[in-house]
Amino acid sequence: MTDWQTLREQMKAAKEAASEPIPEELTGKIIDIVEQTAGEVYGEDTAKDPSRPVLNITVEVIQTGDRFKTAFTQPQGRSSWSNPTFKLRQFDERYGDLPDIGMIVAVEISPSGNYNITL
């Protein structure tokens, strides 16, 4: 098979898989965590503070094999942890620890169809 034929078959398989109903309860496994800046993740012109450090987390959805990335802002002092909307605090409260490779997390689908770690 040529490269194009292989790619075409992979796209057809993905299209068929996408037509199947998605399970109501999804779980994911954290497979990678990379420290980056907000500018690297969101774009230098888009990020509010392009130099702010973030954790870019890759999760593989166990039920579908799909992968997605989500970014968590790193704390900037004690006040970050007292903020109830701080995503790392929410993660720690739900899962009892900070994100780590190999950790199993709950996954949800946003109204726009994107995967997110359930916080």
C-alpha atoms as a PDB file:
ATOM      1  CA  MET A   1       0.000   0.000   0.000  1.00  0.00           C
ATOM      2  CA  THR A   2       1.196   3.520  -0.739  1.00  0.00           C
ATOM      3  CA  ASP A   3       1.488   6.125   1.981  1.00  0.00           C
ATOM      4  CA  TRP A   4      -1.681   7.799   0.699  1.00  0.00           C
ATOM      5  CA  GLN A   5      -3.622   4.518   0.718  1.00  0.00           C
ATOM      6  CA  THR A   6      -2.490   3.803   4.268  1.00  0.00           C
ATOM      7  CA  LEU A   7      -3.483   7.292   5.380  1.00  0.00           C
ATOM      8  CA  ARG A   8      -6.831   6.977   3.582  1.00  0.00           C
ATOM      9  CA  GLU A   9      -7.581   3.682   5.351  1.00  0.00           C
ATOM     10  CA  GLN A  10      -6.673   5.224   8.699  1.00  0.00           C
ATOM     11  CA  MET A  11      -8.995   8.179   8.022  1.00  0.00           C
ATOM     12  CA  LYS A  12     -11.828   5.829   7.031  1.00  0.00           C
ATOM     13  CA  ALA A  13     -11.373   3.832  10.246  1.00  0.00           C
ATOM     14  CA  ALA A  14     -11.372   7.056  12.303  1.00  0.00           C
ATOM     15  CA  LYS A  15     -14.530   8.236  10.518  1.00  0.00           C
ATOM     16  CA  GLU A  16     -16.297   4.947  11.311  1.00  0.00           C
ATOM     17  CA  ALA A  17     -15.158   5.072  14.939  1.00  0.00           C
ATOM     18  CA  ALA A  18     -16.439   8.653  15.241  1.00  0.00           C
ATOM     19  CA  SER A  19     -19.936   7.547  14.240  1.00  0.00           C
ATOM     20  CA  GLU A  20     -20.123   5.112  17.166  1.00  0.00           C
ATOM     21  CA  PRO A  21     -21.682   6.458  20.365  1.00  0.00           C
ATOM     22  CA  ILE A  22     -19.175   7.699  22.941  1.00  0.00           C
ATOM     23  CA  PRO A  23     -19.441   5.962  26.325  1.00  0.00           C
ATOM     24  CA  GLU A  24     -21.044   8.134  29.009  1.00  0.00           C
ATOM     25  CA  GLU A  25     -18.227   7.585  31.488  1.00  0.00           C
ATOM     26  CA  LEU A  26     -14.752   8.207  30.156  1.00  0.00           C
ATOM     27  CA  THR A  27     -11.401   7.785  31.844  1.00  0.00           C
ATOM     28  CA  GLY A  28      -7.962   8.763  30.704  1.00  0.00           C
ATOM     29  CA  LYS A  29      -4.355   8.041  31.520  1.00  0.00           C
ATOM     30  CA  ILE A  30      -1.829  10.864  31.783  1.00  0.00           C
ATOM     31  CA  ILE A  31       0.932   9.872  29.354  1.00  0.00           C
ATOM     32  CA  ASP A  32       3.091  12.998  29.266  1.00  0.00           C
ATOM     33  CA  ILE A  33       3.666  16.217  31.196  1.00  0.00           C
ATOM     34  CA  VAL A  34       5.833  18.963  29.694  1.00  0.00           C
ATOM     35  CA  GLU A  35       6.740  22.281  31.274  1.00  0.00           C
ATOM     36  CA  GLN A  36       6.263  25.075  28.744  1.00  0.00           C
ATOM     37  CA  THR A  37       5.337  28.736  28.690  1.00  0.00           C
ATOM     38  CA  ALA A  38       1.840  30.040  28.027  1.00  0.00           C
ATOM     39  CA  GLY A  39       3.215  31.614  24.842  1.00  0.00           C
ATOM     40  CA  GLU A  40       4.404  28.232  23.565  1.00  0.00           C
ATOM     41  CA  VAL A  41       1.034  26.619  24.300  1.00  0.00           C
ATOM     42  CA  TYR A  42      -1.411  29.359  23.287  1.00  0.00           C
ATOM     43  CA  GLY A  43       0.746  31.535  21.034  1.00  0.00           C
ATOM     44  CA  GLU A  44       2.785  34.583  21.970  1.00  0.00           C
ATOM     45  CA  ASP A  45       0.080  36.974  20.715  1.00  0.00           C
ATOM     46  CA  THR A  46      -2.829  35.085  22.347  1.00  0.00           C
ATOM     47  CA  ALA A  47      -1.528  34.317  25.853  1.00  0.00           C
ATOM     48  CA  LYS A  48      -2.272  36.874  28.574  1.00  0.00           C
ATOM     49  CA  ASP A  49       1.204  36.371  30.039  1.00  0.00           C
ATOM     50  CA  PRO A  50       3.326  34.558  27.403  1.00  0.00           C
ATOM     51  CA  SER A  51       6.209  33.944  29.824  1.00  0.00           C
ATOM     52  CA  ARG A  52       4.060  32.323  32.543  1.00  0.00           C
ATOM     53  CA  PRO A  53       5.028  28.664  33.112  1.00  0.00           C
ATOM     54  CA  VAL A  54       2.373  26.028  32.439  1.00  0.00           C
ATOM     55  CA  LEU A  55       2.177  22.247  32.579  1.00  0.00           C
ATOM     56  CA  ASN A  56       1.065  20.869  29.216  1.00  0.00           C
ATOM     57  CA  ILE A  57      -0.527  17.499  30.021  1.00  0.00           C
ATOM     58  CA  THR A  58      -1.235  14.793  27.413  1.00  0.00           C
ATOM     59  CA  VAL A  59      -4.028  12.341  28.233  1.00  0.00           C
ATOM     60  CA  GLU A  60      -5.022   9.183  26.362  1.00  0.00           C
ATOM     61  CA  VAL A  61      -8.735   8.345  26.643  1.00  0.00           C
ATOM     62  CA  ILE A  62      -8.887   4.678  27.608  1.00  0.00           C
ATOM     63  CA  GLN A  63     -12.250   3.910  25.972  1.00  0.00           C
ATOM     64  CA  THR A  64     -11.441   5.465  22.570  1.00  0.00           C
ATOM     65  CA  GLY A  65      -7.649   5.680  22.278  1.00  0.00           C
ATOM     66  CA  ASP A  66      -7.971   9.391  21.475  1.00  0.00           C
ATOM     67  CA  ARG A  67      -5.354  11.758  22.873  1.00  0.00           C
ATOM     68  CA  PHE A  68      -5.733  15.348  23.983  1.00  0.00           C
ATOM     69  CA  LYS A  69      -3.668  18.024  25.693  1.00  0.00           C
ATOM     70  CA  THR A  70      -4.642  20.414  28.424  1.00  0.00           C
ATOM     71  CA  ALA A  71      -2.576  23.134  30.081  1.00  0.00           C
ATOM     72  CA  PHE A  72      -2.508  23.959  33.789  1.00  0.00           C
ATOM     73  CA  THR A  73      -0.965  27.235  34.911  1.00  0.00           C
ATOM     74  CA  GLN A  74       1.788  26.711  37.453  1.00  0.00           C
ATOM     75  CA  PRO A  75       1.355  28.369  40.856  1.00  0.00           C
ATOM     76  CA  GLN A  76       2.747  31.831  41.452  1.00  0.00           C
ATOM     77  CA  GLY A  77       3.011  31.876  45.230  1.00  0.00           C
ATOM     78  CA  ARG A  78       0.658  30.899  48.024  1.00  0.00           C
ATOM     79  CA  SER A  79      -2.267  32.927  46.679  1.00  0.00           C
ATOM     80  CA  SER A  80      -2.630  30.534  43.735  1.00  0.00           C
ATOM     81  CA  TRP A  81      -3.517  27.679  46.088  1.00  0.00           C
ATOM     82  CA  SER A  82      -6.157  29.749  47.913  1.00  0.00           C
ATOM     83  CA  ASN A  83      -7.946  30.574  44.644  1.00  0.00           C
ATOM     84  CA  PRO A  84     -10.825  28.075  44.175  1.00  0.00           C
ATOM     85  CA  THR A  85     -10.666  28.464  40.359  1.00  0.00           C
ATOM     86  CA  PHE A  86      -6.953  27.527  40.185  1.00  0.00           C
ATOM     87  CA  LYS A  87      -6.953  24.343  38.071  1.00  0.00           C
ATOM     88  CA  LEU A  88      -4.085  22.616  39.887  1.00  0.00           C
ATOM     89  CA  ARG A  89      -5.900  23.160  43.202  1.00  0.00           C
ATOM     90  CA  GLN A  90      -9.099  21.711  41.711  1.00  0.00           C
ATOM     91  CA  PHE A  91      -7.123  18.736  40.353  1.00  0.00           C
ATOM     92  CA  ASP A  92      -5.474  18.113  43.728  1.00  0.00           C
ATOM     93  CA  GLU A  93      -8.823  18.314  45.544  1.00  0.00           C
ATOM     94  CA  ARG A  94     -10.487  15.834  43.174  1.00  0.00           C
ATOM     95  CA  TYR A  95      -7.647  13.317  42.748  1.00  0.00           C
ATOM     96  CA  GLY A  96      -5.782  13.769  46.049  1.00  0.00           C
ATOM     97  CA  ASP A  97      -2.460  14.531  44.365  1.00  0.00           C
ATOM     98  CA  LEU A  98      -0.845  16.645  41.679  1.00  0.00           C
ATOM     99  CA  PRO A  99      -0.804  15.333  38.077  1.00  0.00           C
ATOM    100  CA  ASP A 100       1.673  12.533  37.391  1.00  0.00           C
ATOM    101  CA  ILE A 101       2.460  10.313  34.420  1.00  0.00           C
ATOM    102  CA  GLY A 102       0.449   7.089  34.626  1.00  0.00           C
ATOM    103  CA  MET A 103      -2.323   8.646  36.732  1.00  0.00           C
ATOM    104  CA  ILE A 104      -5.902   7.717  35.791  1.00  0.00           C
ATOM    105  CA  VAL A 105      -8.348  10.647  35.576  1.00  0.00           C
ATOM    106  CA  ALA A 106     -12.005  11.171  34.714  1.00  0.00           C
ATOM    107  CA  VAL A 107     -12.586  12.727  31.291  1.00  0.00           C
ATOM    108  CA  GLU A 108     -15.525  14.792  30.090  1.00  0.00           C
ATOM    109  CA  ILE A 109     -16.534  16.209  26.729  1.00  0.00           C
ATOM    110  CA  SER A 110     -17.186  19.944  26.521  1.00  0.00           C
ATOM    111  CA  PRO A 111     -20.234  21.346  24.690  1.00  0.00           C
ATOM    112  CA  SER A 112     -17.890  22.149  21.779  1.00  0.00           C
ATOM    113  CA  GLY A 113     -16.840  18.477  21.574  1.00  0.00           C
ATOM    114  CA  ASN A 114     -13.380  18.726  23.144  1.00  0.00           C
ATOM    115  CA  TYR A 115     -12.048  16.380  25.810  1.00  0.00           C
ATOM    116  CA  ASN A 116     -11.165  17.804  29.232  1.00  0.00           C
ATOM    117  CA  ILE A 117      -9.911  16.369  32.504  1.00  0.00           C
ATOM    118  CA  THR A 118     -12.843  16.413  34.932  1.00  0.00           C
ATOM    119  CA  LEU A 119     -12.022  18.756  37.819  1.00  0.00           C
END
